[in-house]
Protein backbone atom coordinates (compact mmCIF):
# COMPACT_ATOMS: atom_id res chain seq x y z
CA MET A 1 -35.85 46.08 28.21
CA LYS A 2 -37.28 44.04 25.32
CA LEU A 3 -34.96 43.74 22.35
CA SER A 4 -36.48 44.77 19.03
CA ASP A 5 -37.76 41.92 16.88
CA THR A 6 -35.58 43.21 14.05
CA PHE A 7 -32.35 43.13 16.12
CA LYS A 8 -30.29 39.94 16.06
CA ILE A 9 -26.89 39.16 17.59
CA ALA A 10 -24.89 35.95 17.20
CA PRO A 11 -21.33 34.65 17.35
CA SER A 12 -19.72 33.71 14.06
CA GLY A 13 -16.61 31.65 13.49
CA GLN A 14 -13.95 31.79 16.20
CA ARG A 15 -13.60 35.57 16.76
CA GLU A 16 -16.64 37.40 15.40
CA ILE A 17 -19.99 38.74 16.49
CA ILE A 18 -22.60 39.63 13.89
CA MET A 19 -25.39 42.07 14.76
CA THR A 20 -28.20 42.90 12.36
CA ARG A 21 -31.06 45.34 12.54
CA VAL A 22 -33.68 46.29 9.96
CA PHE A 23 -34.64 49.95 9.64
CA ASP A 24 -37.64 51.24 7.71
CA ALA A 25 -35.59 53.88 5.89
CA PRO A 26 -33.49 54.22 2.73
CA ARG A 27 -29.86 53.29 3.21
CA ASP A 28 -28.61 56.80 2.30
CA LEU A 29 -30.47 58.08 5.35
CA VAL A 30 -29.17 55.25 7.57
CA PHE A 31 -25.60 55.84 6.33
CA ASP A 32 -25.88 59.53 7.20
CA ALA A 33 -27.13 58.65 10.68
CA LEU A 34 -24.08 56.41 11.18
CA THR A 35 -21.56 59.00 10.01
CA LYS A 36 -22.76 62.53 10.82
CA PRO A 37 -21.79 63.66 14.33
CA ASP A 38 -24.97 65.67 14.95
CA LEU A 39 -27.01 62.50 14.32
CA VAL A 40 -24.67 60.00 15.99
CA LYS A 41 -24.79 62.04 19.22
CA ARG A 42 -28.57 61.61 19.30
CA TRP A 43 -28.78 57.83 19.02
CA LEU A 44 -25.48 56.09 19.94
CA LEU A 45 -26.01 56.37 23.68
CA GLY A 46 -26.63 52.85 24.98
CA PRO A 47 -28.98 52.50 27.93
CA PRO A 48 -30.79 55.52 29.42
CA GLY A 49 -28.71 57.95 31.45
CA TRP A 50 -25.84 58.45 29.01
CA SER A 51 -24.91 61.39 26.78
CA MET A 52 -22.17 61.85 24.19
CA PRO A 53 -20.27 65.11 24.81
CA VAL A 54 -17.55 64.16 22.28
CA CYS A 55 -18.36 62.89 18.80
CA GLU A 56 -15.63 63.55 16.24
CA ILE A 57 -15.76 61.92 12.80
CA ASP A 58 -13.23 62.46 10.01
CA LEU A 59 -15.02 60.35 7.40
CA LYS A 60 -12.26 59.39 4.98
CA VAL A 61 -10.02 56.37 4.59
CA GLY A 62 -7.32 56.85 7.21
CA GLY A 63 -9.52 59.35 9.05
CA LYS A 64 -10.15 58.94 12.74
CA TYR A 65 -13.24 59.02 14.90
CA ARG A 66 -13.59 59.56 18.64
CA TYR A 67 -16.57 59.10 20.95
CA VAL A 68 -16.81 59.90 24.66
CA TRP A 69 -19.93 59.00 26.62
CA ARG A 70 -20.85 60.45 30.02
CA ASN A 71 -23.19 58.88 32.56
CA GLU A 72 -25.50 60.95 34.77
CA ASP A 73 -23.07 60.41 37.67
CA GLY A 74 -20.19 61.94 35.64
CA ARG A 75 -18.44 58.69 34.75
CA GLU A 76 -16.95 58.71 31.23
CA MET A 77 -16.17 56.02 28.68
CA GLY A 78 -14.22 56.77 25.51
CA MET A 79 -13.21 54.96 22.36
CA GLY A 80 -12.04 55.61 18.85
CA GLY A 81 -10.54 54.16 15.74
CA THR A 82 -9.54 54.63 12.14
CA TYR A 83 -11.62 54.25 8.98
CA ARG A 84 -10.16 51.64 6.62
CA GLU A 85 -12.84 51.50 3.92
CA ILE A 86 -15.79 53.72 3.03
CA VAL A 87 -18.24 52.86 0.26
CA ARG A 88 -21.14 55.28 0.52
CA PRO A 89 -23.92 54.23 1.25
CA ALA A 90 -23.12 50.52 1.41
CA LYS A 91 -20.15 49.87 3.68
CA LEU A 92 -17.90 51.18 6.47
CA VAL A 93 -14.87 49.36 7.85
CA HIS A 94 -13.09 50.76 10.91
CA THR A 95 -11.04 49.77 13.91
CA GLU A 96 -12.35 50.19 17.45
CA LEU A 97 -10.39 50.57 20.68
CA PHE A 98 -11.81 51.59 24.06
CA ASP A 99 -9.74 53.88 26.28
CA GLU A 100 -10.13 51.55 29.24
CA ALA A 101 -10.64 48.30 27.40
CA ARG A 102 -12.15 45.49 29.35
CA TYR A 103 -10.47 43.17 26.86
CA ALA A 104 -7.17 43.00 25.00
CA GLY A 105 -6.57 44.63 21.64
CA GLU A 106 -8.68 46.45 19.13
CA SER A 107 -11.52 45.06 17.07
CA LEU A 108 -12.30 45.48 13.39
CA ASN A 109 -15.88 46.45 12.51
CA THR A 110 -17.45 45.98 9.10
CA TRP A 111 -20.82 47.69 8.66
CA THR A 112 -22.82 46.81 5.56
CA LEU A 113 -26.11 48.39 4.56
CA THR A 114 -28.38 46.52 2.17
CA GLU A 115 -31.72 47.75 0.91
CA LYS A 116 -34.31 45.01 1.33
CA ASN A 117 -37.74 46.01 2.64
CA GLY A 118 -35.99 48.98 4.25
CA THR A 119 -32.31 48.88 5.14
CA VAL A 120 -30.60 45.93 6.75
CA LEU A 121 -27.62 47.05 8.82
CA SER A 122 -25.19 44.21 9.47
CA VAL A 123 -22.25 44.83 11.80
CA THR A 124 -19.51 42.21 11.93
CA THR A 125 -17.01 42.74 14.74
CA ARG A 126 -13.80 40.70 14.65
CA TYR A 127 -11.77 40.46 17.85
CA GLU A 128 -8.11 39.53 18.14
CA ILE A 129 -8.86 36.37 20.14
CA ARG A 130 -11.87 34.14 20.75
CA GLU A 131 -11.82 34.75 24.51
CA THR A 132 -12.41 38.45 23.91
CA ARG A 133 -15.36 37.72 21.63
CA ASP A 134 -16.84 35.39 24.24
CA GLU A 135 -16.31 37.95 27.03
CA VAL A 136 -18.09 40.65 24.98
CA LEU A 137 -21.00 38.29 24.30
CA LYS A 138 -21.37 37.66 28.05
CA SER A 139 -21.21 41.37 28.93
CA GLY A 140 -24.84 42.16 28.14
CA MET A 141 -23.79 44.75 25.53
CA GLU A 142 -26.77 43.82 23.37
CA THR A 143 -29.05 45.77 25.73
CA GLY A 144 -27.18 49.03 25.06
CA VAL A 145 -26.87 48.32 21.33
CA SER A 146 -30.56 47.55 21.04
CA ALA A 147 -31.51 50.72 22.95
CA SER A 148 -29.28 52.77 20.64
CA TYR A 149 -30.79 51.16 17.54
CA ASP A 150 -34.30 51.86 18.88
CA ARG A 151 -33.32 55.54 19.20
CA LEU A 152 -31.87 55.47 15.69
CA ASP A 153 -35.13 54.01 14.40
CA GLU A 154 -37.04 56.95 15.97
CA ILE A 155 -34.67 59.48 14.37
CA LEU A 156 -35.05 57.82 10.97
CA ALA A 157 -38.85 57.82 11.32
CA SER A 158 -38.78 61.56 12.12
CA ALA A 159 -36.55 62.24 9.13
CA ARG A 160 -38.86 60.28 6.82
CA SER A 161 -41.89 62.20 8.12
CA ALA A 162 -40.12 65.54 7.61
CA LYS A 163 -39.39 64.68 3.96
CA ARG A 164 -43.06 63.99 3.22
């Protein structure tokens, strides 16, 4: 799978990964797609063959979210966290912990949305230790993230067309 030309991923500092993607949509629309369960379930699926039977979002500071993905063979993967900061439509900060973590501890995600020739989504993920960050970078997770962002781009394009 070819990664989109507008998707970038890179390590930062000792414990962070920064991912960016440009979407041709206003940031209000992108923010909604990141925070409304009916939309999240349509795009945050990773590589083909996965669905999201559980998508719960209590979008408030201190509120929790929970995602469970299911593969075609019935295998499930779950994760969740707590929202620490919400500045609509510019920023989300939340923790992230997988049910069966392949690494120790939870991460802290900071999502910023900036309007500049569309919307630039920048996701900074800070891990508890450098080894975890390095393990995640070696996992190939960018393939699933890129596929999800490609789906999100299609949803945003459809929403823009519907508003015209």
